[in-house]
């Protein structure tokens, strides 16, 4: 996961649990940066992933509209424009290693969705 000096070092709420859509993305604006949040139900709660919403190939803010799925055993989102696949865990691109999305740690904390 990339570490950027301007990112928060503590957990901060970005939306509510009820704002999430299972197996789909929603976008939150955090300090001027669009972050795509993906909720994948698993077990009692599920997992939340947070990656940059800006597609590095097109420059468009569309990653949150991508389709979530599995590719070679990894959880990914497909960019809606050029269909390249980004790993939800770390924002790396499956097809093009030079393309990468910033990634944040994310969690569910009671009713809050938080990133770090």
Protein backbone atom coordinates (compact mmCIF):
# COMPACT_ATOMS: atom_id res chain seq x y z
CA UNK A 1 0.00 0.00 0.00
CA UNK A 2 1.30 3.44 -0.87
CA UNK A 3 2.03 5.80 1.97
CA UNK A 4 1.61 9.49 1.24
CA UNK A 5 2.63 12.21 3.68
CA UNK A 6 -0.69 14.05 3.32
CA UNK A 7 -2.80 11.00 4.17
CA UNK A 8 -4.31 10.74 7.64
CA UNK A 9 -2.36 8.54 10.07
CA UNK A 10 -5.44 7.87 12.18
CA UNK A 11 -8.79 6.41 11.24
CA UNK A 12 -11.27 8.96 9.92
CA UNK A 13 -14.95 8.48 8.99
CA UNK A 14 -15.82 9.02 5.33
CA UNK A 15 -19.43 7.77 5.12
CA UNK A 16 -21.96 5.53 6.83
CA UNK A 17 -22.32 1.78 6.46
CA UNK A 18 -25.79 2.28 4.94
CA UNK A 19 -24.21 4.34 2.12
CA UNK A 20 -22.37 1.25 0.85
CA UNK A 21 -23.78 -1.02 -1.85
CA UNK A 22 -22.78 -4.70 -1.69
CA UNK A 23 -20.33 -5.74 -4.45
CA UNK A 24 -20.37 -2.25 -5.90
CA UNK A 25 -18.60 1.07 -5.51
CA UNK A 26 -19.51 4.43 -4.01
CA UNK A 27 -17.33 7.51 -4.08
CA UNK A 28 -16.40 9.79 -1.19
CA UNK A 29 -14.59 13.11 -1.44
CA UNK A 30 -11.85 13.29 1.20
CA UNK A 31 -9.71 16.42 1.33
CA UNK A 32 -10.27 17.03 -2.37
CA UNK A 33 -9.47 13.44 -3.42
CA UNK A 34 -12.14 11.12 -4.82
CA UNK A 35 -11.92 7.73 -3.13
CA UNK A 36 -13.86 4.72 -4.46
CA UNK A 37 -15.16 2.53 -1.64
CA UNK A 38 -16.09 -1.07 -2.35
CA UNK A 39 -18.04 -3.25 0.08
CA UNK A 40 -17.69 -7.00 -0.35
CA UNK A 41 -19.97 -8.98 2.00
CA UNK A 42 -18.19 -11.86 3.71
CA UNK A 43 -19.11 -13.52 6.96
CA UNK A 44 -20.79 -11.34 9.58
CA UNK A 45 -19.62 -7.95 8.30
CA UNK A 46 -17.63 -8.08 5.10
CA UNK A 47 -14.65 -6.18 3.78
CA UNK A 48 -14.35 -2.55 2.70
CA UNK A 49 -11.69 -1.46 0.22
CA UNK A 50 -10.68 2.10 -0.60
CA UNK A 51 -8.83 3.00 -3.81
CA UNK A 52 -8.38 6.10 -5.90
CA UNK A 53 -11.34 6.87 -8.16
CA UNK A 54 -9.24 8.33 -11.00
CA UNK A 55 -8.45 5.91 -13.84
CA UNK A 56 -4.73 6.37 -14.60
CA UNK A 57 -5.14 5.58 -18.30
CA UNK A 58 -8.01 7.93 -19.15
CA UNK A 59 -7.75 10.43 -16.30
CA UNK A 60 -11.50 10.11 -15.72
CA UNK A 61 -12.99 9.65 -12.24
CA UNK A 62 -14.82 6.39 -12.96
CA UNK A 63 -13.30 3.53 -10.94
CA UNK A 64 -16.21 3.62 -8.47
CA UNK A 65 -18.50 2.63 -11.35
CA UNK A 66 -16.42 -0.44 -12.21
CA UNK A 67 -17.54 -4.05 -11.92
CA UNK A 68 -16.23 -6.01 -8.94
CA UNK A 69 -15.17 -9.59 -9.54
CA UNK A 70 -12.47 -12.21 -9.21
CA UNK A 71 -9.58 -12.62 -11.64
CA UNK A 72 -7.01 -15.37 -11.12
CA UNK A 73 -8.18 -15.73 -7.53
CA UNK A 74 -7.86 -12.03 -6.70
CA UNK A 75 -10.60 -9.54 -5.89
CA UNK A 76 -10.54 -6.81 -8.56
CA UNK A 77 -12.51 -3.97 -10.07
CA UNK A 78 -12.63 -3.49 -13.84
CA UNK A 79 -12.27 0.07 -15.09
CA UNK A 80 -15.44 1.02 -16.99
CA UNK A 81 -13.50 2.65 -19.82
CA UNK A 82 -10.54 0.49 -20.84
CA UNK A 83 -11.47 -2.61 -18.81
CA UNK A 84 -8.10 -2.99 -17.08
CA UNK A 85 -8.41 -4.72 -13.70
CA UNK A 86 -7.18 -3.21 -10.43
CA UNK A 87 -6.66 -5.25 -7.26
CA UNK A 88 -8.89 -3.94 -4.49
CA UNK A 89 -6.34 -4.90 -1.84
CA UNK A 90 -3.57 -2.60 -3.06
CA UNK A 91 -4.66 -0.73 -6.23
CA UNK A 92 -2.16 -2.48 -8.52
CA UNK A 93 -3.18 -3.24 -12.09
CA UNK A 94 -3.29 -6.89 -13.21
CA UNK A 95 -2.59 -6.26 -16.91
CA UNK A 96 -0.34 -3.19 -16.74
CA UNK A 97 2.11 -3.10 -13.79
CA UNK A 98 2.93 0.54 -14.56
CA UNK A 99 -0.68 1.55 -13.78
CA UNK A 100 -1.56 1.83 -10.12
CA UNK A 101 -4.27 3.39 -7.98
CA UNK A 102 -3.58 4.81 -4.55
CA UNK A 103 -5.03 2.60 -1.84
CA UNK A 104 -6.06 3.30 1.73
CA UNK A 105 -6.81 0.94 4.59
CA UNK A 106 -10.55 0.84 5.19
CA UNK A 107 -12.80 -0.65 7.83
CA UNK A 108 -16.31 -0.78 9.20
CA UNK A 109 -16.53 0.65 12.71
CA UNK A 110 -20.10 0.29 13.98
CA UNK A 111 -22.12 2.51 11.58
CA UNK A 112 -19.07 4.36 10.22
CA UNK A 113 -16.89 3.54 7.22
CA UNK A 114 -13.38 4.71 8.04
CA UNK A 115 -10.14 5.04 6.09
CA UNK A 116 -6.55 5.48 7.15
